[in-house]
Protein backbone atom coordinates (compact mmCIF):
# COMPACT_ATOMS: atom_id res chain seq x y z
CA MET A 1 -0.16 0.06 -0.14
CA LYS A 2 1.28 3.25 -0.87
CA THR A 3 2.07 5.66 2.32
CA ALA A 4 2.64 9.26 2.51
CA VAL A 5 4.48 11.03 5.37
CA LEU A 6 4.16 14.45 6.26
CA CYS A 7 6.63 15.93 8.66
CA PHE A 8 6.34 19.38 10.37
CA SER A 9 9.48 19.37 12.59
CA PRO A 10 13.26 18.08 12.89
CA GLN A 11 11.99 15.69 15.43
CA GLY A 12 9.31 14.27 13.17
CA ALA A 13 11.78 14.18 10.16
CA ALA A 14 13.95 11.74 12.37
CA LEU A 15 11.15 9.62 13.12
CA ALA A 16 10.32 9.33 9.50
CA LYS A 17 13.84 8.53 8.29
CA LYS A 18 13.87 5.76 11.27
CA TYR A 19 10.61 4.19 10.46
CA PHE A 20 9.46 5.12 6.95
CA SER A 21 10.96 5.07 3.26
CA GLN A 22 11.96 8.45 2.42
CA GLU A 23 10.59 8.03 -1.06
CA ASP A 24 7.10 9.35 0.16
CA CYS A 25 8.10 11.32 2.89
CA TYR A 26 7.17 15.10 2.50
CA GLY A 27 8.73 18.06 4.81
CA LYS A 28 12.03 20.37 4.74
CA ASP A 29 14.34 17.58 5.51
CA PHE A 30 13.14 15.59 2.42
CA GLN A 31 13.23 16.24 -1.59
CA ARG A 32 9.40 16.81 -1.53
CA PRO A 33 8.43 20.24 0.27
CA ILE A 34 4.58 20.22 1.83
CA LYS A 35 2.23 22.53 0.01
CA LYS A 36 -1.16 22.87 1.55
CA GLU A 37 -2.59 23.71 -1.88
CA ASP A 38 -1.33 20.38 -3.38
CA PHE A 39 -2.50 18.14 -0.50
CA GLY A 40 -5.08 16.96 -2.32
CA HIS A 41 -2.98 15.04 -4.59
CA ILE A 42 -1.61 13.26 -1.75
CA PHE A 43 -5.07 12.58 -0.26
CA THR A 44 -6.35 11.08 -3.46
CA GLY A 45 -2.96 9.47 -4.38
CA TYR A 46 -2.04 7.52 -1.22
CA ASP A 47 -3.97 4.52 0.40
CA ARG A 48 -2.47 5.88 3.88
CA ILE A 49 -1.45 9.29 5.28
CA VAL A 50 0.95 9.67 8.20
CA PHE A 51 1.22 12.95 9.94
CA ILE A 52 4.25 13.35 12.16
CA GLY A 53 2.99 16.40 14.30
CA ALA A 54 -0.17 17.99 15.92
CA ALA A 55 -3.57 16.46 15.04
CA GLY A 56 -4.75 19.92 14.38
CA ILE A 57 -2.36 20.44 11.49
CA ALA A 58 -3.88 16.81 10.00
CA VAL A 59 -7.40 17.88 10.44
CA ARG A 60 -6.92 21.16 8.72
CA TYR A 61 -4.95 19.51 5.86
CA MET A 62 -7.63 16.82 5.04
CA ALA A 63 -10.72 18.64 5.89
CA PRO A 64 -11.74 19.88 2.52
CA PHE A 65 -10.85 16.46 0.96
CA VAL A 66 -12.98 14.17 3.41
CA ALA A 67 -15.68 12.35 1.48
CA ASP A 68 -16.52 8.73 2.07
CA LYS A 69 -15.52 6.34 4.70
CA ARG A 70 -15.38 3.55 1.83
CA LYS A 71 -12.96 5.81 -0.19
CA ASP A 72 -11.11 7.94 1.79
CA PRO A 73 -7.59 6.85 2.72
CA ALA A 74 -6.45 5.90 6.11
CA VAL A 75 -4.98 8.46 8.06
CA VAL A 76 -2.73 8.20 11.05
CA VAL A 77 -1.26 11.09 13.33
CA ILE A 78 2.24 10.38 15.24
CA ASP A 79 3.20 13.03 17.98
CA PRO A 80 6.57 14.34 16.84
CA VAL A 81 8.60 12.59 19.79
CA GLY A 82 6.68 9.27 18.69
CA ARG A 83 4.82 8.41 21.87
CA TYR A 84 1.46 7.89 20.37
CA VAL A 85 -0.05 6.97 17.64
CA ILE A 86 -3.57 8.09 16.52
CA PRO A 87 -6.08 7.03 13.48
CA LEU A 88 -7.96 10.21 12.49
CA LEU A 89 -9.89 8.91 9.48
CA SER A 90 -10.91 5.70 7.89
CA GLY A 91 -10.32 3.47 10.96
CA HIS A 92 -11.98 0.51 10.13
CA LEU A 93 -12.67 0.48 6.51
CA GLY A 94 -9.39 2.12 5.44
CA GLY A 95 -7.44 0.10 8.05
CA ALA A 96 -6.14 3.25 9.99
CA ASN A 97 -6.80 1.21 13.34
CA ALA A 98 -5.11 -1.86 12.35
CA TYR A 99 -2.11 0.23 10.84
CA ALA A 100 -2.05 2.44 14.11
CA GLU A 101 -1.37 -0.75 15.99
CA GLU A 102 1.29 -2.10 13.63
CA LEU A 103 3.28 1.40 13.88
CA ALA A 104 2.85 1.45 17.52
CA LYS A 105 4.24 -1.84 17.85
CA ALA A 106 7.18 -1.19 15.75
CA MET A 107 8.04 2.33 17.29
CA GLY A 108 7.50 1.07 20.94
CA ALA A 109 4.51 3.89 21.44
CA GLU A 110 0.86 3.54 22.19
CA ALA A 111 -2.08 3.16 19.75
CA VAL A 112 -4.87 5.54 20.76
CA LEU A 113 -7.85 4.14 19.26
CA THR A 114 -10.89 6.40 19.63
CA THR A 115 -13.78 4.21 17.61
CA ALA A 116 -16.67 3.09 19.72
CA SER A 117 -16.19 -0.45 18.87
CA ASP A 118 -12.59 -0.81 19.84
CA SER A 119 -13.03 1.07 22.79
CA LEU A 120 -16.15 -1.35 23.95
CA GLY A 121 -14.23 -4.68 22.94
CA PHE A 122 -16.30 -5.76 19.95
CA GLU A 123 -15.67 -6.26 16.24
CA ALA A 124 -17.37 -3.34 14.32
CA ILE A 125 -19.86 -4.13 11.57
CA ASP A 126 -17.69 -2.82 8.77
CA VAL A 127 -14.79 -4.28 9.94
CA PHE A 128 -16.45 -7.98 9.92
CA ALA A 129 -17.78 -7.13 6.44
CA GLN A 130 -14.31 -6.41 5.45
CA ARG A 131 -12.72 -9.21 6.95
CA GLU A 132 -15.11 -11.72 5.26
CA ASN A 133 -15.36 -9.99 1.92
CA TYR A 134 -18.70 -8.59 1.90
CA ALA A 135 -19.99 -5.80 -0.19
CA PHE A 136 -22.66 -3.08 0.75
CA GLU A 137 -24.30 -0.12 -0.65
CA ASP A 138 -26.52 1.32 2.07
CA MET A 139 -24.39 3.16 4.44
CA ALA A 140 -27.15 4.76 6.33
CA ALA A 141 -28.22 0.97 7.29
CA MET A 142 -24.38 0.13 8.05
CA LYS A 143 -24.70 3.41 10.55
CA GLU A 144 -27.75 2.26 12.13
CA VAL A 145 -26.44 -1.02 12.72
CA ALA A 146 -23.22 0.06 14.21
CA GLY A 147 -25.19 2.44 16.40
CA ALA A 148 -27.14 -0.50 17.44
CA MET A 149 -24.20 -2.44 18.39
CA VAL A 150 -22.51 0.52 20.45
CA ALA A 151 -25.98 0.60 22.29
CA GLY A 152 -25.94 -2.98 23.14
CA ARG A 153 -28.94 -3.68 21.31
CA GLU A 154 -29.83 -7.18 19.96
CA ILE A 155 -29.13 -7.58 16.12
CA PRO A 156 -31.66 -9.87 14.00
CA TRP A 157 -29.31 -11.72 11.86
CA TYR A 158 -30.21 -13.88 8.76
CA SER A 159 -27.04 -15.38 6.74
CA GLU A 160 -26.32 -18.30 4.23
CA GLU A 161 -22.84 -18.38 5.96
CA ASP A 162 -21.65 -19.38 9.42
CA ALA A 163 -19.44 -16.30 10.15
CA LEU A 164 -20.70 -13.81 12.93
CA PRO A 165 -19.09 -10.75 14.18
CA ASP A 166 -17.65 -10.94 17.68
CA TYR A 167 -20.76 -9.00 19.30
CA PRO A 168 -22.48 -10.81 21.93
CA HIS A 169 -26.11 -9.69 20.89
CA ILE A 170 -26.53 -11.39 17.68
CA LYS A 171 -29.82 -13.10 17.12
CA ARG A 172 -29.89 -15.90 14.60
CA VAL A 173 -33.30 -15.81 12.76
CA PRO A 174 -34.46 -18.22 9.96
CA SER A 175 -35.71 -16.13 7.32
CA ILE A 176 -34.48 -12.85 5.30
CA GLU A 177 -37.89 -11.49 6.11
CA ALA A 178 -37.35 -11.74 10.00
CA ALA A 179 -34.08 -10.02 9.36
CA ASP A 180 -35.23 -7.19 7.31
CA ALA A 181 -36.46 -5.08 10.53
CA LYS A 182 -34.67 -2.11 12.35
CA ASP A 183 -30.93 -3.13 13.36
CA GLY A 184 -31.23 -6.31 11.33
CA VAL A 185 -28.85 -7.76 9.03
CA VAL A 186 -29.23 -9.98 5.88
CA VAL A 187 -26.31 -11.94 4.41
CA THR A 188 -27.01 -13.31 1.22
CA THR A 189 -25.90 -13.32 -2.51
CA LYS A 190 -29.15 -12.99 -3.70
CA ASP A 191 -30.55 -10.05 -5.19
CA VAL A 192 -33.39 -9.35 -3.07
CA GLU A 193 -35.50 -6.09 -1.79
CA ILE A 194 -34.41 -5.12 1.67
CA LYS A 195 -36.52 -2.50 2.87
CA THR A 196 -35.39 -1.85 6.45
CA GLY A 197 -32.25 -3.72 7.46
CA LEU A 198 -28.70 -3.85 6.06
CA GLN A 199 -27.75 -5.93 3.27
CA LEU A 200 -24.23 -7.62 3.38
CA VAL A 201 -23.51 -9.32 -0.13
CA PRO A 202 -20.57 -12.31 0.21
CA ARG A 203 -18.30 -11.77 -2.93
CA ARG A 204 -18.73 -15.49 -3.75
CA ILE A 205 -19.73 -15.68 -7.35
CA HIS A 206 -17.54 -16.51 -10.24
CA LEU A 207 -18.22 -16.04 -13.87
CA GLY A 208 -16.41 -18.14 -16.90
CA ILE A 209 -16.44 -16.63 -20.10
CA GLY A 210 -15.33 -17.82 -23.48
CA SER A 211 -16.06 -15.77 -26.59
CA LYS A 212 -15.63 -15.35 -30.38
CA LYS A 213 -13.09 -13.01 -31.39
CA ASP A 214 -14.05 -9.26 -31.43
CA THR A 215 -17.28 -9.94 -30.05
CA ASP A 216 -19.87 -6.71 -28.67
CA PRO A 217 -18.70 -5.62 -25.12
CA GLU A 218 -22.26 -4.20 -24.48
CA ALA A 219 -23.50 -7.67 -25.54
CA LEU A 220 -21.69 -9.37 -23.17
CA LEU A 221 -22.55 -6.75 -20.44
CA ALA A 222 -26.27 -7.39 -21.43
CA LEU A 223 -25.81 -10.92 -21.02
CA ILE A 224 -24.22 -10.97 -17.50
CA LYS A 225 -27.01 -8.64 -16.48
CA LYS A 226 -29.68 -10.85 -17.90
CA THR A 227 -28.15 -13.69 -16.42
CA LEU A 228 -27.72 -12.56 -12.97
CA LYS A 229 -31.49 -11.49 -12.76
CA THR A 230 -32.71 -14.64 -14.05
CA TYR A 231 -30.65 -16.43 -11.21
CA ALA A 232 -31.29 -13.69 -8.64
CA ILE A 233 -27.80 -12.99 -7.95
CA HIS A 234 -27.07 -9.51 -6.54
CA PRO A 235 -24.31 -7.92 -8.92
CA MET A 236 -22.10 -6.83 -5.78
CA ALA A 237 -21.92 -10.83 -5.39
CA LEU A 238 -19.35 -11.06 -8.20
CA ALA A 239 -16.05 -11.91 -7.32
CA ALA A 240 -14.13 -12.46 -10.84
CA ILE A 241 -14.22 -13.15 -14.05
CA HIS A 242 -12.09 -16.20 -15.46
CA THR A 243 -11.02 -17.01 -18.89
CA ILE A 244 -8.44 -18.63 -20.75
CA ASP A 245 -5.29 -16.95 -21.72
CA ILE A 246 -5.83 -16.47 -25.44
CA LYS A 247 -8.70 -14.56 -24.53
CA LYS A 248 -6.90 -12.28 -21.79
CA GLU A 249 -7.16 -9.13 -24.13
CA GLU A 250 -10.50 -9.74 -25.40
CA PRO A 251 -11.89 -6.12 -25.42
CA ALA A 252 -15.70 -7.45 -24.26
CA ILE A 253 -14.23 -9.59 -21.39
CA VAL A 254 -11.82 -6.78 -20.40
CA TYR A 255 -14.49 -4.37 -20.21
CA ALA A 256 -16.83 -6.57 -18.63
CA ALA A 257 -14.45 -6.91 -15.63
CA LYS A 258 -14.05 -2.89 -15.34
CA HIS A 259 -17.67 -2.58 -15.54
CA PHE A 260 -17.93 -4.71 -12.51
CA ARG A 261 -14.99 -3.88 -10.82
CA ILE A 262 -13.58 -7.18 -10.46
CA PRO A 263 -10.28 -8.99 -11.36
CA MET A 264 -9.61 -11.06 -14.60
CA LYS A 265 -7.93 -14.33 -13.53
CA ILE A 266 -6.51 -16.17 -16.60
CA TYR A 267 -5.68 -19.81 -17.17
CA SER A 268 -3.56 -21.79 -19.89
CA ALA A 269 -5.57 -24.73 -21.56
CA GLU A 270 -3.43 -27.21 -19.67
CA GLU A 271 -4.64 -25.70 -16.21
CA LEU A 272 -8.34 -25.45 -17.11
CA SER A 273 -8.24 -29.10 -18.59
CA ARG A 274 -7.90 -30.29 -14.96
CA ASN A 275 -11.94 -29.50 -14.94
CA GLU A 276 -12.69 -31.05 -18.20
CA LYS A 277 -14.44 -34.11 -16.66
CA ARG A 278 -16.78 -31.84 -14.88
CA CYS A 279 -18.07 -29.93 -17.93
CA GLU A 280 -19.87 -30.99 -21.09
CA GLY A 281 -17.40 -30.28 -23.88
CA SER A 282 -16.55 -30.25 -27.39
CA ASP A 283 -14.08 -31.68 -29.70
CA PHE A 284 -14.10 -28.76 -31.91
CA VAL A 285 -13.27 -26.33 -28.95
CA ARG A 286 -10.55 -28.96 -27.80
CA ALA A 287 -8.94 -28.62 -31.52
CA THR A 288 -9.14 -25.09 -31.41
CA VAL A 289 -7.97 -23.84 -28.01
CA GLY A 290 -6.83 -26.98 -26.17
CA VAL A 291 -9.30 -27.70 -23.91
CA SER A 292 -12.81 -28.97 -24.60
CA SER A 293 -14.70 -26.25 -22.61
CA VAL A 294 -13.95 -22.71 -21.63
CA SER A 295 -16.40 -21.17 -19.77
CA CYS A 296 -17.28 -24.10 -17.40
CA THR A 297 -13.78 -25.05 -16.58
CA ALA A 298 -13.06 -21.32 -15.94
CA ALA A 299 -15.86 -20.89 -13.51
CA TYR A 300 -14.78 -23.81 -11.63
CA MET A 301 -11.50 -22.40 -11.00
CA GLY A 302 -13.26 -20.09 -8.85
CA GLY A 303 -16.09 -21.80 -7.29
CA GLU A 304 -17.01 -25.35 -6.29
CA ILE A 305 -21.02 -25.21 -6.83
CA MET A 306 -22.27 -25.05 -10.39
CA ILE A 307 -25.05 -22.57 -10.96
CA ALA A 308 -25.18 -22.33 -14.78
CA GLU A 309 -22.94 -24.42 -16.52
CA LYS A 310 -23.10 -23.12 -20.05
CA ILE A 311 -25.32 -20.15 -21.49
CA CYS A 312 -24.78 -19.46 -24.96
CA GLU A 313 -25.61 -16.17 -26.89
CA GLU A 314 -23.84 -13.28 -28.98
CA GLY A 315 -21.08 -15.42 -29.59
CA PHE A 316 -20.18 -15.75 -25.65
CA THR A 317 -20.50 -18.77 -23.40
CA LEU A 318 -20.83 -18.19 -19.85
CA SER A 319 -20.80 -20.26 -16.87
CA ILE A 320 -21.55 -19.22 -13.03
CA THR A 321 -20.30 -20.91 -9.96
CA LYS A 322 -20.40 -20.07 -6.31
CA GLU A 323 -17.80 -20.79 -3.48
CA LYS A 324 -18.37 -23.23 -0.92
CA ARG A 325 -18.72 -21.79 2.40
């Protein structure tokens, strides 16, 4: 992760030289001066920002740029003599709390965590979601559940999986409807309407894709969206697109991966052939690309449970699997 370090005193510069790479250090003692008017580039260009100096300076510098806890960088402040490490921004989702503890251990300092869940000794809901690779989009509902946990209220919880946050007042309920309530949490890959509670979407769905050359990117996007709707799969449940190496630069597949913001995972024909016995194949396809099926064998590289073995349309083949949890 890219880390910028801003130093405002000789003592701070000495700490930076001892514990950080000088390549991304800013201050009078380094090749990069600190210019407040240029701080926006630092804020958007780094995953983590460390201020060595007063907390008030850090607040004034970053205040104009703070936007969304899901996107803001982790911001940590260290006092000039290295006694305390204090996470100021993106403590949970951005990882500032964990980074502060890591730095404090390395420096022999004390990490000062001020987030409520850490002070109360349980796992915050957003930290849990991040740890389990769950996506979410309703920040208001996330805040409601976080507030309920801080207040010690019971959390109705429905989940397709066994994982639970380290919080004592979870009540497992048998249905989505029972958890779709105030302070409730629904954990599912299904695309369902949640009226009141918070939906956490496990990223467990994998797409295997084969295609003819130079197929229409919009056609592939439409096929994926239509298929997800058919199987009631939430788009945020997508974990990756898998395909054969000769298709690694196929514009439509690259376009789909960028649209859904998921990685493309590439395999040789030999690697995919390990899954041939699990898929209906074709001698023609094997003679062409070296393996009897591309989409099905590729989908099995990500998930163990087959949802849709092969859908053929517009020059594409699409297969869908799900991870077993």
